Amino acid sequence: MRLLRIARFAACGLAACGTSTPLEGAPTGGDGDADADGCATGGNPCRLARPQCGCREGDRCTVDGVGEWICDEPGVRREAETCGETGDDDCSAGNVCTTGEAGRVCRAWCDVDDDCAGDGGVCVLDFTVDGEPLEGARVCSFSCNPRSRSGCPEGSACHVLVREDQGGVGYLSDCTASVGDGFAGASCDRDVGPFCAAGFACIDGVCRAWCEDPAGRGAGCSNYEVCTAFDPPAQVGDVEWGVCE
């Protein structure tokens, strides 16, 4: 069965999109050398991924609208929560307000996959400034469940997607705000719509329900459907995903 299509990943920071500015009077980074505390900054003034370092106690490390590492006061919004309603990045330390596939939500900064939570959360999303990836700044995809629709911000849907950085043989999960009302058998177009409802994937122009364990119980399909596997298998953690046909 054909591979799932995936849009090129990018997450534009709220400030980096030109819709916000750092808090007034925000200090620049610390001394840029946190090795003594066991936390390297990679040559930047502070470290974005957890555990953050290089800033004064109580501040967070983030990126401003021109792509500079800065320290400022953290917000209270956590990963996968909506953000930026006031025009400012109001995410908590270790997260940043981004605009992208899932809408305007907090995403976790990362350096490697282990910085991301859950099996489907991986460090593959480029953080962009004026449409260009910012070197050394990436954020996590969301670890979510496409069948139960859990793990995504309100109003978005979970999908299993191909990892482009692994040559199309690895998978991850992430959320998209492109949610429509297409159920099984409905026509769809993942890029421009019409879109499938949450819990359904757009496969070759047709909405198909997500299902688990194609070679076994095929959980998620009706009695007259078969849970069909992808090639290579769409394995995320301990779960293999397919779609009902």
Protein backbone atom coordinates (compact mmCIF):
# COMPACT_ATOMS: atom_id res chain seq x y z
CA MET A 1 0.00 0.00 0.00
CA ARG A 2 1.24 3.51 -0.79
CA LEU A 3 3.03 5.69 1.70
CA LEU A 4 1.25 8.53 3.41
CA ARG A 5 2.04 11.89 1.92
CA ILE A 6 3.56 14.51 4.19
CA ALA A 7 3.96 18.24 3.82
CA ARG A 8 7.42 19.68 4.47
CA PHE A 9 7.64 20.35 8.17
CA ALA A 10 8.10 23.88 9.43
CA ALA A 11 6.93 25.76 12.49
CA CYS A 12 7.04 29.52 12.32
CA GLY A 13 7.54 31.15 15.70
CA LEU A 14 5.01 33.78 16.67
CA ALA A 15 7.72 36.42 16.97
CA ALA A 16 9.55 35.03 13.94
CA CYS A 17 6.40 35.48 11.84
CA GLY A 18 6.40 39.17 12.62
CA THR A 19 3.25 39.04 14.76
CA SER A 20 4.94 39.60 18.09
CA THR A 21 8.01 41.08 19.74
CA PRO A 22 9.99 40.04 22.82
CA LEU A 23 8.80 41.42 26.13
CA GLU A 24 9.94 45.01 26.66
CA GLY A 25 13.19 45.15 28.53
CA ALA A 26 13.90 41.46 28.09
CA PRO A 27 17.57 40.77 28.86
CA THR A 28 19.86 39.18 26.33
CA GLY A 29 21.33 35.76 27.09
CA GLY A 30 23.70 34.88 29.87
CA ASP A 31 27.39 34.24 29.51
CA GLY A 32 26.78 31.47 26.96
CA ASP A 33 28.82 28.94 28.95
CA ALA A 34 26.77 26.62 31.10
CA ASP A 35 29.08 23.62 30.84
CA ALA A 36 29.96 23.94 34.51
CA ASP A 37 26.33 23.13 35.28
CA GLY A 38 26.27 20.19 32.88
CA CYS A 39 24.21 22.06 30.30
CA ALA A 40 25.92 23.13 27.06
CA THR A 41 24.47 25.96 25.00
CA GLY A 42 26.08 24.95 21.70
CA GLY A 43 27.77 28.31 21.32
CA ASN A 44 24.54 30.28 21.69
CA PRO A 45 23.80 32.64 24.59
CA CYS A 46 21.41 30.10 26.13
CA ARG A 47 19.97 26.62 25.54
CA LEU A 48 16.48 26.28 24.02
CA ALA A 49 15.79 22.59 24.69
CA ARG A 50 15.18 21.35 28.22
CA PRO A 51 16.99 21.60 30.56
CA GLN A 52 17.33 25.24 29.61
CA CYS A 53 20.33 27.18 30.83
CA GLY A 54 22.26 30.37 30.23
CA CYS A 55 19.52 32.70 31.49
CA ARG A 56 18.88 34.24 34.88
CA GLU A 57 16.85 32.11 37.27
CA GLY A 58 13.16 32.37 36.43
CA ASP A 59 13.74 33.45 32.81
CA ARG A 60 13.45 31.25 29.75
CA CYS A 61 15.58 30.89 26.64
CA THR A 62 13.76 31.62 23.37
CA VAL A 63 14.20 33.21 19.93
CA ASP A 64 13.15 36.73 18.93
CA GLY A 65 11.68 38.01 15.67
CA VAL A 66 15.04 38.27 13.92
CA GLY A 67 16.29 34.84 14.94
CA GLU A 68 18.43 35.83 17.94
CA TRP A 69 18.62 33.75 21.11
CA ILE A 70 17.28 35.81 24.04
CA CYS A 71 16.17 35.39 27.64
CA ASP A 72 12.77 36.67 28.74
CA GLU A 73 9.96 35.99 31.16
CA PRO A 74 8.12 32.71 30.49
CA GLY A 75 4.38 32.40 29.98
CA VAL A 76 2.05 29.76 31.38
CA ARG A 77 0.86 27.86 28.29
CA ARG A 78 2.15 24.29 28.07
CA GLU A 79 2.98 22.06 25.12
CA ALA A 80 0.00 21.44 22.78
CA GLU A 81 -1.99 24.32 24.30
CA THR A 82 -3.17 27.20 22.11
CA CYS A 83 -1.15 30.37 22.48
CA GLY A 84 -0.54 33.89 21.24
CA GLU A 85 -4.08 35.18 21.70
CA THR A 86 -2.68 38.46 23.04
CA GLY A 87 -0.07 38.71 20.30
CA ASP A 88 2.78 37.62 22.58
CA ASP A 89 4.51 34.28 23.02
CA ASP A 90 2.86 33.15 26.26
CA CYS A 91 4.27 29.59 26.34
CA SER A 92 6.13 28.21 29.34
CA ALA A 93 9.90 27.68 29.52
CA GLY A 94 11.08 25.06 27.03
CA ASN A 95 8.17 25.77 24.68
CA VAL A 96 7.54 28.35 21.98
CA CYS A 97 4.35 29.67 20.37
CA THR A 98 4.35 28.53 16.74
CA THR A 99 2.10 28.92 13.73
CA GLY A 100 1.95 25.89 11.45
CA GLU A 101 0.09 22.67 10.59
CA ALA A 102 -1.69 22.54 13.97
CA GLY A 103 -2.58 26.23 14.08
CA ARG A 104 -1.16 28.52 16.77
CA VAL A 105 0.10 26.23 19.54
CA CYS A 106 2.99 25.76 21.98
CA ARG A 107 5.63 23.31 20.82
CA ALA A 108 8.65 22.04 22.74
CA TRP A 109 12.16 23.08 21.71
CA CYS A 110 14.44 20.13 20.95
CA ASP A 111 17.91 19.10 19.83
CA VAL A 112 17.30 15.35 19.46
CA ASP A 113 14.31 12.98 19.45
CA ASP A 114 14.79 12.17 23.13
CA ASP A 115 13.92 15.77 23.96
CA CYS A 116 10.36 15.11 22.72
CA ALA A 117 7.57 13.45 24.70
CA GLY A 118 5.91 10.19 23.63
CA ASP A 119 6.60 7.67 20.87
CA GLY A 120 5.31 9.85 18.03
CA GLY A 121 6.95 13.06 19.19
CA VAL A 122 10.22 13.56 17.31
CA CYS A 123 12.61 16.46 16.69
CA VAL A 124 12.04 17.07 12.97
CA LEU A 125 10.22 20.40 12.68
CA ASP A 126 12.35 23.29 11.51
CA PHE A 127 11.80 26.56 13.34
CA THR A 128 11.62 29.22 10.65
CA VAL A 129 12.26 32.96 10.54
CA ASP A 130 10.86 34.77 7.49
CA GLY A 131 10.31 31.39 5.87
CA GLU A 132 13.89 30.18 6.34
CA PRO A 133 14.92 27.43 8.82
CA LEU A 134 16.90 28.82 11.74
CA GLU A 135 20.03 26.75 12.29
CA GLY A 136 20.13 25.09 15.70
CA ALA A 137 16.43 25.71 16.43
CA ARG A 138 13.93 22.89 16.04
CA VAL A 139 10.67 21.88 17.74
CA CYS A 140 8.90 18.59 18.41
CA SER A 141 6.02 16.99 16.59
CA PHE A 142 3.12 15.98 18.83
CA SER A 143 2.81 12.44 20.15
CA CYS A 144 -0.86 11.76 19.45
CA ASN A 145 -3.32 8.98 18.63
CA PRO A 146 -5.12 9.28 15.26
CA ARG A 147 -7.83 6.82 16.22
CA SER A 148 -8.74 8.14 19.69
CA ARG A 149 -7.92 11.71 18.52
CA SER A 150 -6.04 12.35 21.76
CA GLY A 151 -2.87 14.40 22.20
CA CYS A 152 -3.76 17.26 19.84
CA PRO A 153 -4.84 20.84 20.48
CA GLU A 154 -8.58 21.46 20.34
CA GLY A 155 -9.88 21.74 16.80
CA SER A 156 -7.07 19.74 15.21
CA ALA A 157 -6.64 16.09 14.22
CA CYS A 158 -3.83 13.55 14.68
CA HIS A 159 -2.10 11.84 11.77
CA VAL A 160 0.75 9.37 11.31
CA LEU A 161 3.24 10.78 8.82
CA VAL A 162 6.39 9.72 7.00
CA ARG A 163 9.74 10.88 8.38
CA GLU A 164 11.47 12.58 5.49
CA ASP A 165 14.74 12.70 7.43
CA GLN A 166 14.84 8.88 7.45
CA GLY A 167 14.36 8.43 3.73
CA GLY A 168 10.67 7.62 3.96
CA VAL A 169 11.04 4.49 6.10
CA GLY A 170 10.30 5.99 9.52
CA TYR A 171 7.11 7.46 10.92
CA LEU A 172 5.98 10.05 13.44
CA SER A 173 2.73 11.58 14.62
CA ASP A 174 1.59 15.17 14.49
CA CYS A 175 -1.54 17.32 14.43
CA THR A 176 -3.15 19.41 11.72
CA ALA A 177 -5.85 22.05 11.90
CA SER A 178 -7.05 21.04 8.42
CA VAL A 179 -10.12 19.18 9.72
CA GLY A 180 -13.27 18.79 7.65
CA ASP A 181 -16.39 16.64 7.67
CA GLY A 182 -15.30 13.86 5.32
CA PHE A 183 -15.95 10.35 6.66
CA ALA A 184 -15.20 6.94 5.16
CA GLY A 185 -15.37 7.02 1.36
CA ALA A 186 -15.66 10.79 1.02
CA SER A 187 -13.48 12.58 -1.53
CA CYS A 188 -10.61 14.61 -0.09
CA ASP A 189 -7.45 16.55 -0.81
CA ARG A 190 -4.99 16.86 2.06
CA ASP A 191 -3.41 20.05 0.71
CA VAL A 192 -6.35 22.22 -0.31
CA GLY A 193 -9.48 20.36 0.84
CA PRO A 194 -12.07 19.09 1.13
CA PHE A 195 -10.58 17.64 4.31
CA CYS A 196 -11.36 14.48 6.25
CA ALA A 197 -12.90 14.51 9.72
CA ALA A 198 -10.76 13.77 12.77
CA GLY A 199 -10.00 10.05 12.94
CA PHE A 200 -9.75 9.72 9.15
CA ALA A 201 -6.79 9.94 6.76
CA CYS A 202 -6.88 11.21 3.18
CA ILE A 203 -5.44 8.32 1.14
CA ASP A 204 -5.34 8.63 -2.66
CA GLY A 205 -8.16 11.18 -2.58
CA VAL A 206 -10.46 9.14 -0.32
CA CYS A 207 -11.10 9.45 3.45
CA ARG A 208 -10.22 6.24 5.32
CA ALA A 209 -10.58 5.54 9.04
CA TRP A 210 -7.37 4.99 10.99
CA CYS A 211 -6.97 1.51 12.50
CA GLU A 212 -4.46 -0.40 14.63
CA ASP A 213 -2.71 -3.74 14.20
CA PRO A 214 -3.34 -4.51 10.49
CA ALA A 215 -1.96 -8.05 10.74
CA GLY A 216 -4.02 -8.83 13.85
CA ARG A 217 -7.30 -7.59 15.22
CA GLY A 218 -7.53 -4.53 12.97
CA ALA A 219 -9.01 -2.40 15.75
CA GLY A 220 -11.06 0.51 14.45
CA CYS A 221 -12.66 -1.06 11.36
CA SER A 222 -16.24 -2.20 10.87
CA ASN A 223 -17.10 -5.84 10.22
CA TYR A 224 -17.02 -5.44 6.44
CA GLU A 225 -13.70 -3.56 6.35
CA VAL A 226 -10.08 -4.69 6.53
CA CYS A 227 -7.31 -2.82 8.31
CA THR A 228 -4.74 -2.41 5.53
CA ALA A 229 -1.07 -1.89 6.33
CA PHE A 230 1.33 0.63 4.80
CA ASP A 231 4.57 -0.40 3.11
CA PRO A 232 6.87 -0.09 4.95
CA PRO A 233 4.76 -0.67 8.10
CA ALA A 234 3.66 2.55 9.80
CA GLN A 235 5.10 1.66 13.20
CA VAL A 236 5.01 4.31 15.95
CA GLY A 237 6.29 2.95 19.24
CA ASP A 238 4.48 -0.33 19.96
CA VAL A 239 1.59 0.39 17.58
CA GLU A 240 1.38 -0.32 13.85
CA TRP A 241 -1.13 1.88 12.05
CA GLY A 242 -3.18 1.24 8.95
CA VAL A 243 -6.41 2.44 7.36
CA CYS A 244 -9.76 0.70 6.89
CA GLU A 245 -10.70 -0.39 3.37
